[in-house]
Structure formats: C-alpha cells, structure tokens
Amino acid sequence: MTDTQLYLAVGLPVFAVLINIVVGVLQHSSVNARFSGIDSRFNNLETRFTNLEACFETLISRVAILDRH
C-alpha cells in the first residue's frame, strides 16, 4: 500500500464525517429558525385572542347595561 492510498483510505472517511457534521449543524439551525417563526406566530395569535376577549368583555358589559333598562 502506498502513502497516497493510505491517505485516501483514512482521509476520505474523515472528510465525509466532517461534512456530515457540518450539514447536521446547518440543518439544526434551520429547524430552530423555523420553530422560532412558528413561536412568534403563536405569540401574535395569543395577543389577538386577548384583544378579542377584551372586546367581548366590553360588549357583554354594554349588553348588561341595556338589559337593566
């Protein structure tokens, strides 16, 4: 076995593992970014529901005032 064959036999698998690690880290960060986007959408929905609940409370209080008369 020549030196070049040894370097290829050892170097190529190591290179492939390193590339695999880099791709995994990039994919992980991409998934985290997507989950952050989904989380912000849920926070917006929560704010909208809170505002809607306040509107309903106002409407209920106005109906109660009308009902008393």
C-alpha atoms as a PDB file:
ATOM      1  CA  MET A   1       0.000   0.000   0.000  1.00  0.00           C
ATOM      2  CA  THR A   2       1.435   3.363  -0.987  1.00  0.00           C
ATOM      3  CA  ASP A   3       1.288   6.507   1.072  1.00  0.00           C
ATOM      4  CA  THR A   4      -1.310   8.034  -1.249  1.00  0.00           C
ATOM      5  CA  GLN A   5      -3.597   5.029  -0.872  1.00  0.00           C
ATOM      6  CA  LEU A   6      -3.257   5.214   2.913  1.00  0.00           C
ATOM      7  CA  TYR A   7      -4.066   8.920   2.948  1.00  0.00           C
ATOM      8  CA  LEU A   8      -7.120   8.337   0.772  1.00  0.00           C
ATOM      9  CA  ALA A   9      -8.261   5.348   2.857  1.00  0.00           C
ATOM     10  CA  VAL A  10      -8.063   7.380   6.060  1.00  0.00           C
ATOM     11  CA  GLY A  11      -8.736  10.894   4.784  1.00  0.00           C
ATOM     12  CA  LEU A  12     -11.888  10.323   2.741  1.00  0.00           C
ATOM     13  CA  PRO A  13     -13.956   8.809   5.578  1.00  0.00           C
ATOM     14  CA  VAL A  14     -12.768  11.533   7.963  1.00  0.00           C
ATOM     15  CA  PHE A  15     -13.679  14.177   5.386  1.00  0.00           C
ATOM     16  CA  ALA A  16     -17.104  12.577   4.883  1.00  0.00           C
ATOM     17  CA  VAL A  17     -17.764  12.564   8.639  1.00  0.00           C
ATOM     18  CA  LEU A  18     -16.770  16.218   8.934  1.00  0.00           C
ATOM     19  CA  ILE A  19     -19.048  17.179   6.040  1.00  0.00           C
ATOM     20  CA  ASN A  20     -21.862  15.213   7.685  1.00  0.00           C
ATOM     21  CA  ILE A  21     -21.358  17.110  10.953  1.00  0.00           C
ATOM     22  CA  VAL A  22     -21.400  20.482   9.171  1.00  0.00           C
ATOM     23  CA  VAL A  23     -24.591  19.597   7.283  1.00  0.00           C
ATOM     24  CA  GLY A  24     -26.218  18.431  10.524  1.00  0.00           C
ATOM     25  CA  VAL A  25     -25.370  21.694  12.291  1.00  0.00           C
ATOM     26  CA  LEU A  26     -26.746  23.731   9.376  1.00  0.00           C
ATOM     27  CA  GLN A  27     -29.939  21.673   9.316  1.00  0.00           C
ATOM     28  CA  HIS A  28     -30.332  22.035  13.081  1.00  0.00           C
ATOM     29  CA  SER A  29     -30.036  25.822  12.892  1.00  0.00           C
ATOM     30  CA  SER A  30     -32.545  25.896  10.025  1.00  0.00           C
ATOM     31  CA  VAL A  31     -35.077  23.888  12.029  1.00  0.00           C
ATOM     32  CA  ASN A  32     -34.558  26.161  15.042  1.00  0.00           C
ATOM     33  CA  ALA A  33     -35.244  29.209  12.884  1.00  0.00           C
ATOM     34  CA  ARG A  34     -38.482  27.660  11.641  1.00  0.00           C
ATOM     35  CA  PHE A  35     -39.627  26.873  15.184  1.00  0.00           C
ATOM     36  CA  SER A  36     -38.826  30.441  16.228  1.00  0.00           C
ATOM     37  CA  GLY A  37     -41.028  31.693  13.400  1.00  0.00           C
ATOM     38  CA  ILE A  38     -43.866  29.424  14.468  1.00  0.00           C
ATOM     39  CA  ASP A  39     -43.448  30.551  18.073  1.00  0.00           C
ATOM     40  CA  SER A  40     -43.746  34.205  17.083  1.00  0.00           C
ATOM     41  CA  ARG A  41     -46.921  33.404  15.122  1.00  0.00           C
ATOM     42  CA  PHE A  42     -48.442  31.790  18.206  1.00  0.00           C
ATOM     43  CA  ASN A  43     -47.488  34.833  20.275  1.00  0.00           C
ATOM     44  CA  ASN A  44     -49.285  37.046  17.738  1.00  0.00           C
ATOM     45  CA  LEU A  45     -52.347  34.800  17.939  1.00  0.00           C
ATOM     46  CA  GLU A  46     -52.289  34.992  21.724  1.00  0.00           C
ATOM     47  CA  THR A  47     -52.245  38.791  21.535  1.00  0.00           C
ATOM     48  CA  ARG A  48     -55.131  38.785  19.070  1.00  0.00           C
ATOM     49  CA  PHE A  49     -57.197  36.468  21.292  1.00  0.00           C
ATOM     50  CA  THR A  50     -56.508  38.707  24.288  1.00  0.00           C
ATOM     51  CA  ASN A  51     -57.725  41.725  22.322  1.00  0.00           C
ATOM     52  CA  LEU A  52     -60.786  39.806  21.172  1.00  0.00           C
ATOM     53  CA  GLU A  53     -61.529  38.787  24.740  1.00  0.00           C
ATOM     54  CA  ALA A  54     -61.358  42.436  25.828  1.00  0.00           C
ATOM     55  CA  CYS A  55     -63.791  43.371  23.050  1.00  0.00           C
ATOM     56  CA  PHE A  56     -66.207  40.667  24.180  1.00  0.00           C
ATOM     57  CA  GLU A  57     -65.991  41.872  27.780  1.00  0.00           C
ATOM     58  CA  THR A  58     -66.846  45.394  26.616  1.00  0.00           C
ATOM     59  CA  LEU A  59     -69.745  44.084  24.537  1.00  0.00           C
ATOM     60  CA  ILE A  60     -71.068  41.979  27.434  1.00  0.00           C
ATOM     61  CA  SER A  61     -70.936  44.956  29.783  1.00  0.00           C
ATOM     62  CA  ARG A  62     -72.830  47.129  27.278  1.00  0.00           C
ATOM     63  CA  VAL A  63     -75.485  44.427  26.794  1.00  0.00           C
ATOM     64  CA  ALA A  64     -75.823  44.138  30.564  1.00  0.00           C
ATOM     65  CA  ILE A  65     -76.393  47.905  30.815  1.00  0.00           C
ATOM     66  CA  LEU A  66     -79.053  47.735  28.094  1.00  0.00           C
ATOM     67  CA  ASP A  67     -80.669  44.752  29.802  1.00  0.00           C
ATOM     68  CA  ARG A  68     -81.044  46.695  33.063  1.00  0.00           C
ATOM     69  CA  HIS A  69     -83.125  49.418  31.375  1.00  0.00           C
END
